[in-house]
Amino acid sequence: MENTPQMDTMIYNAAYLIPWEAESQFSEQVEALDHQFEERLRIRYNNFTAPFKFARLRLFSSN
């Protein structure tokens, strides 16, 4: 899910819902990309975040 960048230096902000057992592999891939771009681009992610961005609640009134 793409989100609005939260600061001027951020060029992309996204959320990915991945299986719990794939988190370490995802983390390794993020680190590899970060090293590939060296000082030109910093790639970061927050792990262990609740998946609130992927849930949508629709409330209906019975009136």
N, C-alpha and C. Protein backbone atom coordinates (compact mmCIF):
# COMPACT_ATOMS: atom_id res chain seq x y z
N MET A 1 0.85 -1.15 0.00
CA MET A 1 0.00 0.00 0.00
C MET A 1 0.90 1.23 0.00
N GLU A 2 0.70 2.12 -0.95
CA GLU A 2 1.50 3.34 -1.01
C GLU A 2 0.90 4.40 -0.09
N ASN A 3 1.77 5.13 0.58
CA ASN A 3 1.37 6.18 1.51
C ASN A 3 2.09 7.47 1.15
N THR A 4 1.63 8.56 1.68
CA THR A 4 2.25 9.85 1.46
C THR A 4 3.57 9.92 2.23
N PRO A 5 4.66 10.40 1.59
CA PRO A 5 5.92 10.58 2.32
C PRO A 5 5.71 11.47 3.54
N GLN A 6 6.37 11.15 4.64
CA GLN A 6 6.16 11.85 5.90
C GLN A 6 7.14 12.97 6.18
N MET A 7 8.15 13.13 5.34
CA MET A 7 9.11 14.23 5.51
C MET A 7 9.69 14.60 4.14
N ASP A 8 10.33 15.75 4.06
CA ASP A 8 10.85 16.25 2.80
C ASP A 8 11.91 15.35 2.18
N THR A 9 12.66 14.65 3.00
CA THR A 9 13.74 13.81 2.48
C THR A 9 13.27 12.41 2.09
N MET A 10 12.01 12.11 2.33
CA MET A 10 11.46 10.80 1.99
C MET A 10 10.87 10.87 0.59
N ILE A 11 11.29 9.96 -0.29
CA ILE A 11 10.76 9.97 -1.66
C ILE A 11 9.69 8.92 -1.89
N TYR A 12 9.62 7.91 -1.00
CA TYR A 12 8.63 6.85 -1.18
C TYR A 12 8.28 6.28 0.19
N ASN A 13 7.02 6.01 0.40
CA ASN A 13 6.55 5.45 1.66
C ASN A 13 5.51 4.39 1.33
N ALA A 14 5.78 3.16 1.70
CA ALA A 14 4.86 2.07 1.38
C ALA A 14 4.77 1.08 2.54
N ALA A 15 3.69 0.34 2.56
CA ALA A 15 3.50 -0.70 3.56
C ALA A 15 3.33 -2.03 2.84
N TYR A 16 3.97 -3.05 3.37
CA TYR A 16 3.90 -4.39 2.78
C TYR A 16 3.45 -5.37 3.85
N LEU A 17 2.44 -6.13 3.55
CA LEU A 17 1.98 -7.17 4.47
C LEU A 17 2.62 -8.48 4.02
N ILE A 18 3.56 -8.96 4.83
CA ILE A 18 4.29 -10.18 4.47
C ILE A 18 4.03 -11.24 5.54
N PRO A 19 4.14 -12.51 5.17
CA PRO A 19 3.97 -13.57 6.18
C PRO A 19 5.05 -13.47 7.26
N TRP A 20 4.67 -13.75 8.49
CA TRP A 20 5.60 -13.67 9.62
C TRP A 20 6.87 -14.46 9.36
N GLU A 21 6.74 -15.66 8.79
CA GLU A 21 7.91 -16.51 8.58
C GLU A 21 8.83 -15.98 7.48
N ALA A 22 8.39 -15.01 6.68
CA ALA A 22 9.21 -14.43 5.61
C ALA A 22 9.88 -13.13 6.03
N GLU A 23 9.67 -12.69 7.27
CA GLU A 23 10.20 -11.40 7.72
C GLU A 23 11.71 -11.33 7.66
N SER A 24 12.40 -12.38 8.08
CA SER A 24 13.87 -12.33 8.08
C SER A 24 14.42 -12.24 6.65
N GLN A 25 13.81 -12.96 5.72
CA GLN A 25 14.24 -12.88 4.32
C GLN A 25 13.96 -11.48 3.76
N PHE A 26 12.80 -10.91 4.08
CA PHE A 26 12.47 -9.56 3.65
C PHE A 26 13.49 -8.56 4.21
N SER A 27 13.82 -8.72 5.47
CA SER A 27 14.80 -7.84 6.12
C SER A 27 16.15 -7.92 5.41
N GLU A 28 16.58 -9.12 5.07
CA GLU A 28 17.85 -9.30 4.36
C GLU A 28 17.83 -8.62 2.99
N GLN A 29 16.71 -8.70 2.30
CA GLN A 29 16.58 -8.07 0.98
C GLN A 29 16.62 -6.55 1.10
N VAL A 30 15.98 -6.01 2.12
CA VAL A 30 16.01 -4.56 2.34
C VAL A 30 17.44 -4.11 2.63
N GLU A 31 18.15 -4.85 3.47
CA GLU A 31 19.55 -4.53 3.78
C GLU A 31 20.43 -4.60 2.52
N ALA A 32 20.20 -5.61 1.68
CA ALA A 32 20.98 -5.75 0.45
C ALA A 32 20.74 -4.55 -0.48
N LEU A 33 19.49 -4.13 -0.60
CA LEU A 33 19.20 -2.95 -1.42
C LEU A 33 19.85 -1.70 -0.85
N ASP A 34 19.80 -1.55 0.46
CA ASP A 34 20.42 -0.40 1.11
C ASP A 34 21.91 -0.36 0.81
N HIS A 35 22.59 -1.50 0.90
CA HIS A 35 24.03 -1.56 0.60
C HIS A 35 24.31 -1.31 -0.88
N GLN A 36 23.42 -1.76 -1.74
CA GLN A 36 23.60 -1.57 -3.18
C GLN A 36 23.61 -0.09 -3.56
N PHE A 37 22.78 0.70 -2.91
CA PHE A 37 22.71 2.12 -3.23
C PHE A 37 23.69 2.97 -2.44
N GLU A 38 24.43 2.35 -1.54
CA GLU A 38 25.46 3.00 -0.73
C GLU A 38 24.96 4.31 -0.15
N GLU A 39 25.66 5.40 -0.40
CA GLU A 39 25.30 6.70 0.18
C GLU A 39 24.30 7.48 -0.66
N ARG A 40 23.93 6.96 -1.83
CA ARG A 40 23.02 7.69 -2.72
C ARG A 40 21.57 7.65 -2.25
N LEU A 41 21.21 6.59 -1.53
CA LEU A 41 19.82 6.41 -1.11
C LEU A 41 19.81 5.55 0.15
N ARG A 42 19.03 5.95 1.14
CA ARG A 42 18.87 5.14 2.35
C ARG A 42 17.52 4.42 2.27
N ILE A 43 17.55 3.13 2.45
CA ILE A 43 16.32 2.35 2.44
C ILE A 43 16.11 1.79 3.84
N ARG A 44 14.97 2.12 4.43
CA ARG A 44 14.66 1.71 5.79
C ARG A 44 13.25 1.16 5.86
N TYR A 45 13.02 0.34 6.85
CA TYR A 45 11.67 -0.13 7.11
C TYR A 45 11.50 -0.38 8.61
N ASN A 46 10.26 -0.32 9.02
CA ASN A 46 9.91 -0.62 10.41
C ASN A 46 9.31 -2.01 10.44
N ASN A 47 9.96 -2.89 11.16
CA ASN A 47 9.41 -4.25 11.25
C ASN A 47 8.50 -4.36 12.47
N PHE A 48 7.76 -5.42 12.53
CA PHE A 48 6.87 -5.72 13.65
C PHE A 48 5.83 -4.62 13.89
N THR A 49 5.32 -4.06 12.82
CA THR A 49 4.28 -3.04 12.93
C THR A 49 2.92 -3.69 12.69
N ALA A 50 1.97 -3.33 13.50
CA ALA A 50 0.62 -3.89 13.33
C ALA A 50 0.07 -3.55 11.95
N PRO A 51 -0.62 -4.48 11.31
CA PRO A 51 -1.11 -4.27 9.93
C PRO A 51 -2.39 -3.44 9.85
N PHE A 52 -2.45 -2.31 10.55
CA PHE A 52 -3.67 -1.50 10.56
C PHE A 52 -3.96 -0.87 9.21
N LYS A 53 -2.97 -0.67 8.38
CA LYS A 53 -3.19 -0.04 7.07
C LYS A 53 -3.90 -0.97 6.09
N PHE A 54 -3.97 -2.25 6.41
CA PHE A 54 -4.55 -3.21 5.50
C PHE A 54 -5.99 -3.58 5.86
N ALA A 55 -6.48 -3.02 6.94
CA ALA A 55 -7.85 -3.33 7.37
C ALA A 55 -8.75 -2.14 7.09
N ARG A 56 -9.92 -2.44 6.58
CA ARG A 56 -10.93 -1.40 6.35
C ARG A 56 -12.21 -1.82 7.02
N LEU A 57 -12.77 -0.92 7.77
CA LEU A 57 -13.99 -1.21 8.51
C LEU A 57 -15.11 -0.36 7.94
N ARG A 58 -16.17 -1.02 7.54
CA ARG A 58 -17.33 -0.30 7.03
C ARG A 58 -18.48 -0.51 8.00
N LEU A 59 -18.99 0.57 8.52
CA LEU A 59 -20.09 0.52 9.46
C LEU A 59 -21.37 0.92 8.75
N PHE A 60 -22.40 0.17 9.02
CA PHE A 60 -23.70 0.45 8.43
C PHE A 60 -24.71 0.71 9.53
N SER A 61 -25.50 1.69 9.33
CA SER A 61 -26.55 2.00 10.28
C SER A 61 -27.81 1.21 9.95
N SER A 62 -28.47 0.74 10.95
CA SER A 62 -29.73 0.00 10.72
C SER A 62 -30.92 0.95 10.60
N ASN A 63 -30.70 2.23 10.75
CA ASN A 63 -31.78 3.22 10.64
C ASN A 63 -32.10 3.54 9.22
